[in-house]
C-alpha atoms as a PDB file:
ATOM      1  CA  MET A   1      98.893  85.262  84.540  1.00  0.00           C
ATOM      2  CA  TYR A   2      95.791  84.049  82.820  1.00  0.00           C
ATOM      3  CA  LEU A   3      92.130  84.580  83.571  1.00  0.00           C
ATOM      4  CA  HIS A   4      89.809  81.663  82.815  1.00  0.00           C
ATOM      5  CA  ILE A   5      86.469  83.095  81.646  1.00  0.00           C
ATOM      6  CA  GLY A   6      84.678  79.855  80.832  1.00  0.00           C
ATOM      7  CA  GLY A   7      84.617  77.246  78.122  1.00  0.00           C
ATOM      8  CA  GLU A   8      88.167  76.706  76.974  1.00  0.00           C
ATOM      9  CA  ILE A   9      89.128  80.376  76.943  1.00  0.00           C
ATOM     10  CA  ASP A  10      91.936  81.791  79.053  1.00  0.00           C
ATOM     11  CA  LEU A  11      92.916  85.419  78.618  1.00  0.00           C
ATOM     12  CA  ARG A  12      96.161  87.081  79.636  1.00  0.00           C
ATOM     13  CA  GLU A  13      95.219  89.423  82.440  1.00  0.00           C
ATOM     14  CA  GLU A  14      97.157  92.335  80.942  1.00  0.00           C
ATOM     15  CA  GLU A  15      94.945  92.125  77.832  1.00  0.00           C
ATOM     16  CA  VAL A  16      91.706  92.560  79.802  1.00  0.00           C
ATOM     17  CA  LEU A  17      90.423  96.146  79.779  1.00  0.00           C
ATOM     18  CA  PHE A  18      87.232  95.610  81.723  1.00  0.00           C
ATOM     19  CA  ILE A  19      84.635  93.099  82.844  1.00  0.00           C
ATOM     20  CA  CYS A  20      80.940  94.038  82.735  1.00  0.00           C
ATOM     21  CA  ASP A  21      77.815  92.524  84.193  1.00  0.00           C
ATOM     22  CA  MET A  22      75.480  91.680  81.324  1.00  0.00           C
ATOM     23  CA  ASP A  23      72.272  92.638  83.170  1.00  0.00           C
ATOM     24  CA  ASN A  24      73.474  96.069  84.266  1.00  0.00           C
ATOM     25  CA  ALA A  25      75.583  97.089  81.269  1.00  0.00           C
ATOM     26  CA  THR A  26      73.131  96.151  78.519  1.00  0.00           C
ATOM     27  CA  TRP A  27      70.522  98.648  79.732  1.00  0.00           C
ATOM     28  CA  SER A  28      72.478 101.256  77.810  1.00  0.00           C
ATOM     29  CA  HIS A  29      71.736 101.544  74.100  1.00  0.00           C
ATOM     30  CA  ILE A  30      75.401 102.443  73.587  1.00  0.00           C
ATOM     31  CA  THR A  31      76.555  99.160  75.113  1.00  0.00           C
ATOM     32  CA  ARG A  32      74.051  97.165  73.063  1.00  0.00           C
ATOM     33  CA  ALA A  33      75.182  98.945  69.898  1.00  0.00           C
ATOM     34  CA  SER A  34      78.842  98.294  70.731  1.00  0.00           C
ATOM     35  CA  LEU A  35      78.189  94.584  71.263  1.00  0.00           C
ATOM     36  CA  LYS A  36      76.275  94.441  67.978  1.00  0.00           C
ATOM     37  CA  ILE A  37      79.152  96.115  66.114  1.00  0.00           C
ATOM     38  CA  ALA A  38      81.656  93.706  67.671  1.00  0.00           C
ATOM     39  CA  GLU A  39      79.472  90.794  66.545  1.00  0.00           C
ATOM     40  CA  GLU A  40      79.139  92.150  62.994  1.00  0.00           C
ATOM     41  CA  GLU A  41      82.909  92.668  62.766  1.00  0.00           C
ATOM     42  CA  GLY A  42      83.634  89.140  64.026  1.00  0.00           C
ATOM     43  CA  ARG A  43      85.176  90.319  67.299  1.00  0.00           C
ATOM     44  CA  LEU A  44      82.514  88.821  69.603  1.00  0.00           C
ATOM     45  CA  PHE A  45      83.136  85.308  70.906  1.00  0.00           C
ATOM     46  CA  ASN A  46      80.875  83.220  73.105  1.00  0.00           C
ATOM     47  CA  ALA A  47      82.690  81.396  75.925  1.00  0.00           C
ATOM     48  CA  ALA A  48      79.379  80.694  77.654  1.00  0.00           C
ATOM     49  CA  GLU A  49      77.914  77.225  77.520  1.00  0.00           C
ATOM     50  CA  ASP A  50      74.746  78.666  79.018  1.00  0.00           C
ATOM     51  CA  LEU A  51      73.169  82.121  79.137  1.00  0.00           C
ATOM     52  CA  PRO A  52      75.923  84.774  79.297  1.00  0.00           C
ATOM     53  CA  ARG A  53      76.096  86.696  82.586  1.00  0.00           C
ATOM     54  CA  SER A  54      79.043  88.969  81.816  1.00  0.00           C
ATOM     55  CA  PHE A  55      81.309  90.108  79.031  1.00  0.00           C
ATOM     56  CA  VAL A  56      85.017  90.853  78.895  1.00  0.00           C
ATOM     57  CA  VAL A  57      86.529  93.494  76.623  1.00  0.00           C
ATOM     58  CA  CYS A  58      90.173  93.104  75.634  1.00  0.00           C
ATOM     59  CA  ALA A  59      92.705  95.711  74.541  1.00  0.00           C
ATOM     60  CA  ASP A  60      92.514  94.601  70.897  1.00  0.00           C
ATOM     61  CA  GLY A  61      88.737  95.190  70.809  1.00  0.00           C
ATOM     62  CA  THR A  62      87.787  91.538  71.150  1.00  0.00           C
ATOM     63  CA  VAL A  63      84.735  90.868  73.307  1.00  0.00           C
ATOM     64  CA  TYR A  64      84.068  87.566  75.074  1.00  0.00           C
ATOM     65  CA  LEU A  65      80.735  86.537  76.556  1.00  0.00           C
ATOM     66  CA  SER A  66      81.036  84.499  79.755  1.00  0.00           C
ATOM     67  CA  GLN A  67      78.554  82.470  81.756  1.00  0.00           C
ATOM     68  CA  LEU A  68      80.408  83.458  84.932  1.00  0.00           C
ATOM     69  CA  ASN A  69      79.224  86.548  86.735  1.00  0.00           C
ATOM     70  CA  SER A  70      81.420  89.629  86.831  1.00  0.00           C
ATOM     71  CA  ALA A  71      82.118  89.292  90.578  1.00  0.00           C
ATOM     72  CA  THR A  72      83.533  85.792  90.057  1.00  0.00           C
ATOM     73  CA  LEU A  73      85.760  86.950  87.207  1.00  0.00           C
ATOM     74  CA  LEU A  74      86.976  89.917  89.254  1.00  0.00           C
ATOM     75  CA  ARG A  75      87.757  87.661  92.221  1.00  0.00           C
ATOM     76  CA  ARG A  76      89.699  85.307  89.946  1.00  0.00           C
ATOM     77  CA  ALA A  77      91.680  88.211  88.505  1.00  0.00           C
ATOM     78  CA  GLU A  78      92.479  89.623  91.948  1.00  0.00           C
ATOM     79  CA  ASN A  79      93.507  86.243  93.379  1.00  0.00           C
ATOM     80  CA  GLY A  80      95.518  85.157  90.350  1.00  0.00           C
ATOM     81  CA  SER A  81      93.315  82.076  90.073  1.00  0.00           C
ATOM     82  CA  PHE A  82      93.967  79.661  87.236  1.00  0.00           C
ATOM     83  CA  GLU A  83      90.574  77.925  87.600  1.00  0.00           C
END
């Protein structure tokens, strides 16, 4: 199954390691540093057309920013939603 995270990006659910809320997770300097490293290495992609509210980390180290909140993405993953 695929998880639609916004924009035109659909991820295979088995590739998704975790989904984080941007407001809560970015309080940590470690998270901010990790996102910065991913951006510098070209592994950070923006699927958000607006301000990002969450980010998704995949097994290959790719990080996607999403305008959808983490609860919505989790619900989609649990329900097998293709929307």
